[in-house]
Structures are given as C-alpha cells and as structure tokens.
Protein backbone atom coordinates (compact mmCIF):
# COMPACT_ATOMS: atom_id res chain seq x y z
CA MET A 1 67.58 126.80 93.25
CA PHE A 2 70.25 124.23 92.38
CA GLN A 3 68.60 121.06 90.98
CA ARG A 4 70.28 117.84 92.11
CA ASN A 5 69.61 115.16 89.53
CA PRO A 6 70.42 111.51 90.28
CA VAL A 7 73.79 110.43 88.90
CA SER A 8 73.87 107.26 86.85
CA ILE A 9 76.90 105.00 87.01
CA ALA A 10 77.48 101.44 85.82
CA PRO A 11 75.69 98.70 87.77
CA ARG A 12 77.54 97.06 90.64
CA GLY A 13 79.88 94.37 89.37
CA SER A 14 80.39 95.94 85.94
CA VAL A 15 83.05 98.48 87.01
CA ALA A 16 86.65 97.33 86.53
CA ALA A 17 85.31 93.81 86.18
CA THR A 18 88.19 92.53 84.07
CA PRO A 19 90.37 90.32 86.28
CA VAL A 20 93.97 91.32 86.89
CA ALA A 21 96.58 88.58 86.74
CA GLY A 22 97.37 87.28 90.22
CA GLU A 23 94.58 89.29 91.83
CA SER A 24 92.61 87.64 94.60
CA LEU A 25 88.82 87.83 94.81
CA ARG A 26 89.10 90.14 97.82
CA ASP A 27 91.51 92.47 95.99
CA ARG A 28 89.28 92.53 92.92
CA LYS A 29 86.24 93.52 95.02
CA ARG A 30 88.27 96.27 96.70
CA ARG A 31 89.40 97.56 93.31
CA GLN A 32 85.85 97.53 91.98
CA THR A 33 84.59 99.44 95.02
CA ARG A 34 87.36 102.01 94.62
CA GLU A 35 86.53 102.41 90.94
CA ARG A 36 82.81 102.85 91.66
CA ILE A 37 83.56 105.62 94.15
CA ALA A 38 85.85 107.40 91.69
CA GLU A 39 83.37 107.00 88.80
CA ALA A 40 80.52 108.44 90.91
CA ALA A 41 82.72 111.30 92.10
CA PHE A 42 83.88 112.33 88.64
CA ALA A 43 80.32 112.16 87.26
CA LEU A 44 79.17 114.48 90.05
CA PHE A 45 82.14 116.83 89.70
CA ASP A 46 81.38 117.19 85.99
CA GLU A 47 77.67 117.78 86.61
CA ARG A 48 77.70 120.06 89.65
CA GLY A 49 81.26 121.30 90.10
CA PHE A 50 83.85 120.19 92.63
CA ASP A 51 82.79 122.55 95.42
CA GLU A 52 79.12 121.57 95.23
CA VAL A 53 79.70 117.85 95.79
CA THR A 54 79.86 116.29 99.28
CA VAL A 55 81.15 112.94 100.38
CA ASP A 56 77.55 111.83 101.03
CA ASP A 57 76.68 112.83 97.45
CA ILE A 58 79.45 110.54 96.14
CA ALA A 59 78.68 107.66 98.50
CA ALA A 60 75.03 107.33 97.47
CA PRO A 61 75.40 106.45 93.75
CA ALA A 62 78.54 104.40 94.55
CA GLU A 63 76.37 102.38 96.99
CA VAL A 64 78.81 102.73 99.88
CA GLY A 65 78.72 104.44 103.28
CA ARG A 66 80.83 107.38 104.46
CA LYS A 67 83.14 105.05 106.39
CA THR A 68 83.79 103.03 103.25
CA PHE A 69 84.54 106.19 101.28
CA PHE A 70 87.13 107.32 103.81
CA ARG A 71 88.63 103.84 103.87
CA TYR A 72 89.59 104.34 100.22
CA PHE A 73 90.05 108.12 99.98
CA GLY A 74 90.99 110.60 102.67
CA ASP A 75 89.00 113.43 101.06
CA LYS A 76 87.46 114.60 97.77
CA GLU A 77 90.78 115.85 96.46
CA LYS A 78 92.33 112.42 96.73
CA VAL A 79 89.63 111.10 94.39
CA VAL A 80 90.65 113.70 91.79
CA PHE A 81 94.26 112.48 91.94
CA SER A 82 93.50 108.78 92.34
CA GLN A 83 94.73 107.76 88.88
CA GLU A 84 98.07 109.53 89.36
CA SER A 85 98.47 107.60 92.62
CA ASP A 86 97.65 104.37 90.76
CA THR A 87 100.33 105.18 88.16
CA LEU A 88 102.89 105.70 90.92
CA ARG A 89 102.01 102.34 92.44
CA GLU A 90 102.39 100.68 89.04
CA LEU A 91 105.75 102.40 88.65
CA ASP A 92 106.87 100.88 91.96
CA SER A 93 105.80 97.42 90.78
CA GLU A 94 107.87 97.77 87.58
CA ASP A 95 111.18 98.03 89.43
CA ASP A 96 112.23 94.49 88.56
CA PRO A 97 115.98 93.80 88.23
CA ALA A 98 115.21 91.39 85.38
CA THR A 99 113.82 94.15 83.10
CA PRO A 100 116.10 95.50 80.32
CA ALA A 101 118.63 98.16 81.34
CA LEU A 102 118.34 101.82 80.37
CA PRO A 103 122.03 102.66 80.06
CA ASP A 104 121.91 106.19 78.59
CA LEU A 105 119.89 109.35 78.10
CA THR A 106 118.22 108.16 74.88
CA ALA A 107 116.88 105.01 76.56
CA ALA A 108 115.83 106.97 79.64
CA LEU A 109 113.90 109.46 77.50
CA GLY A 110 112.11 106.63 75.72
CA GLU A 111 111.03 105.08 79.00
CA SER A 112 110.00 108.47 80.40
CA ARG A 113 107.90 109.14 77.32
CA ARG A 114 106.14 105.76 77.67
CA LEU A 115 105.25 106.34 81.30
CA VAL A 116 104.07 109.95 80.93
CA VAL A 117 101.93 109.11 77.87
CA ALA A 118 100.39 106.24 79.90
CA LEU A 119 99.60 108.69 82.71
CA CYS A 120 97.82 111.05 80.28
CA ALA A 121 95.94 108.24 78.56
CA GLU A 122 94.06 107.24 81.73
CA ALA A 123 90.28 107.09 81.22
CA ARG A 124 89.44 110.04 83.48
CA HIS A 125 92.44 112.22 82.71
CA ALA A 126 90.42 114.76 80.66
CA ALA A 127 87.95 115.22 83.54
CA HIS A 128 90.88 115.50 85.95
CA ALA A 129 92.43 118.25 83.77
CA ARG A 130 89.18 120.22 83.66
CA LEU A 131 88.88 120.15 87.44
CA VAL A 132 92.48 121.19 88.03
CA ASP A 133 92.15 124.10 85.59
CA LYS A 134 89.05 125.40 87.38
CA HIS A 135 90.15 125.11 90.99
CA PRO A 136 93.35 126.78 92.32
CA GLU A 137 93.49 124.50 95.37
CA LEU A 138 93.57 121.49 93.09
CA ALA A 139 96.17 123.12 90.82
CA ASP A 140 98.54 123.53 93.79
CA ARG A 141 98.19 119.86 94.73
CA HIS A 142 98.59 118.89 91.06
CA THR A 143 101.94 120.74 90.93
CA ARG A 144 103.18 118.98 94.04
CA LYS A 145 102.08 115.58 92.75
CA LEU A 146 103.91 116.14 89.46
CA ARG A 147 107.14 117.03 91.30
CA HIS A 148 106.77 113.81 93.27
CA TYR A 149 106.13 111.90 90.05
CA ALA A 150 109.31 113.34 88.49
CA ASP A 151 111.32 112.33 91.59
CA ARG A 152 109.86 108.83 91.45
CA LEU A 153 110.56 108.61 87.73
CA GLU A 154 114.18 109.57 88.37
CA GLN A 155 114.49 106.78 90.95
CA HIS A 156 112.90 104.30 88.54
CA LEU A 157 115.41 105.19 85.80
CA VAL A 158 118.39 104.89 88.17
CA SER A 159 117.10 101.46 89.27
CA ARG A 160 117.09 100.45 85.59
CA GLY A 161 120.75 101.38 85.15
CA THR A 162 120.55 104.99 83.96
CA PRO A 163 123.38 107.19 85.29
CA ARG A 164 121.93 109.58 87.86
CA PRO A 165 122.65 112.80 85.91
CA ALA A 166 120.90 111.38 82.83
CA ALA A 167 118.00 110.10 84.97
CA ILE A 168 117.52 113.56 86.51
CA LEU A 169 117.57 115.19 83.08
CA ALA A 170 115.17 112.67 81.52
CA ALA A 171 112.69 113.01 84.39
CA GLN A 172 112.77 116.81 84.25
CA ILE A 173 112.38 116.78 80.44
CA ALA A 174 109.37 114.47 80.86
CA LEU A 175 107.90 116.89 83.39
CA ALA A 176 108.46 119.84 81.04
CA CYS A 177 106.83 117.95 78.17
CA TYR A 178 103.86 117.15 80.40
CA HIS A 179 103.41 120.84 81.23
CA THR A 180 103.84 121.81 77.57
CA ALA A 181 101.26 119.24 76.50
CA TRP A 182 98.85 120.44 79.21
CA ARG A 183 98.98 123.98 77.80
CA LEU A 184 98.75 122.85 74.18
CA ALA A 185 95.75 120.63 74.93
CA GLY A 186 94.01 123.67 76.42
CA HIS A 187 94.54 125.63 73.19
CA GLU A 188 93.63 122.68 70.95
CA PRO A 189 90.91 120.78 72.86
CA ARG A 190 90.32 118.32 70.03
CA ARG A 191 93.76 116.87 70.70
CA SER A 192 94.12 114.70 73.77
CA HIS A 193 96.72 115.46 76.42
CA ALA A 194 98.34 112.08 75.72
CA ARG A 195 98.74 112.98 72.04
CA GLN A 196 100.23 116.34 72.97
CA VAL A 197 102.74 114.59 75.26
CA GLN A 198 103.74 112.31 72.38
CA LEU A 199 104.33 115.33 70.12
CA SER A 200 106.22 117.27 72.83
CA THR A 201 108.54 114.41 73.69
CA HIS A 202 109.09 113.68 69.98
CA TYR A 203 110.27 117.22 69.28
CA GLU A 204 112.32 117.28 72.49
CA SER A 205 114.09 114.06 71.50
CA ARG A 206 114.84 115.42 68.04
CA SER A 207 116.24 118.63 69.54
CA LEU A 208 118.52 116.71 71.90
CA SER A 209 119.74 114.39 69.15
CA THR A 210 120.85 117.37 66.98
CA MET A 211 122.28 119.47 69.81
CA PRO A 212 126.05 120.10 69.42
CA THR A 213 128.30 118.65 72.05
CA THR A 214 130.76 121.49 71.86
CA ALA A 215 130.05 125.21 72.17
CA PRO A 216 131.72 128.36 73.48
CA HIS A 217 131.82 128.61 77.22
CA ARG A 218 129.88 131.40 78.94
CA GLY A 219 130.87 131.00 82.55
CA ASP A 220 129.83 127.35 82.81
CA LYS A 221 129.42 124.26 80.66
CA PRO A 222 127.10 124.57 77.66
CA VAL A 223 124.06 122.32 77.74
CA GLY A 224 125.20 120.28 74.75
CA LEU A 225 128.53 119.48 76.38
CA VAL A 226 126.82 118.50 79.62
CA LEU A 227 124.42 116.24 77.72
CA SER A 228 127.31 114.51 75.96
CA GLN A 229 128.64 113.41 79.35
CA PHE A 230 125.37 111.63 80.25
CA SER A 231 125.22 109.17 77.39
C-alpha cells in the first residue's frame, strides 16, 4: 500500500520573505502564499509522482484551502509551469522605452541568451524538467509554452529596437538552444540546464559570427546572406 508521509515545507512567513521593491504588504502576502503552494506541490510531486498528488494533498502542507489553491492556480499543471509564467510576466515588465536599444542580431542574441539562462536558473527548474520528462501530457504543454515564450521574446526584442527579421531569428535560435540544452542536461545530469544553455548559445553565437555572408545560391538565399541583411 502506498505510504503517504507528511511533507515538510518552510514555516509560514519564511517563503519568499525578501521584500520586492515597490511591493505592497498585500502583494507580498499573495506572493508568499503562491510560493508556499508551489513549494508544497513540487515537494509532493518529487516524493509521490505527479499523478498521485491531489489538490487537497497540496493544500494541506501549504496551509490553504481548496478555494485558495484555485484562486492562484487553475489546476496542478499550472503549478508545474508557474515559474515560466512568472518569467513571462517579468518580460512584460521589462518593456521600458528608456532601456538601451538592441539594434542588430548580435545584441538581440545577447539579450535572448540572458533571458533564457534566467529561465533555466529558476530554483525549481530541475524539478520541473524531471516532471516534464516523465509525463507526456506535461511535455505537450511544455512545448506550447515554449512556443509562446519565443513569440513573446520576439515581441520584446522588436520593442527594444531590433529589426523584426533579426528578432524572429534570435528568438528561434534561443528556443533551439533551450531544446539543445534540455537534451544535453539529460545526458550529463551533473551539469545544470542553465549551464547547458550558456554553452549552447555561446557556440551558436560563434558559429553565426564566422558564417560567410556570400555563398552559391541553391534555389533561394543562403543562410549567411540572409543573416547579413539582419544586422
């Protein structure tokens, strides 16, 4: 018979306790409650497996009721992807006209690398990756979320002054590097996903910087020639 052990999480008030600049007391309490729910959920997912955990199971150690859980998360899957949603919200908040422009592909790639590495460096990203690898229904949602993230990244780059073709290319390269790092991290578990993204984007940037801008035509424009038009 499956043994359900009590899950231990940090005491109330210790989760996400560091104040955020400009955050009201009410917003801080909401953030702390959201973090407690996510922390309890991930601890349970790790211990029992995603399918064996119910909303009531999560609510108990988080010290909230079912209604409070659903006020913050629509279902268990949304908890798994909560940090990616947080990253998207932070990306929205960074669209400030006063920030430095990103006028070309090189600058856009640098910004894309920074944002994707930050996504992979989140505290629960490793647990998130383990869950996605084990559950096909989560993998499908993960793929859709990443496409949305690439679209949002493209919009962010355009808002910072990157020409749209270069913004599209940089966002898709970032997505490819993320997928590459995901696979490499699976083969080399001692390396974090964030570190693998750094390596992938580093090699991608070096490849682009040495790519020729002229080449024989084979029915359409060579990639190097297309890239030269973006910078």
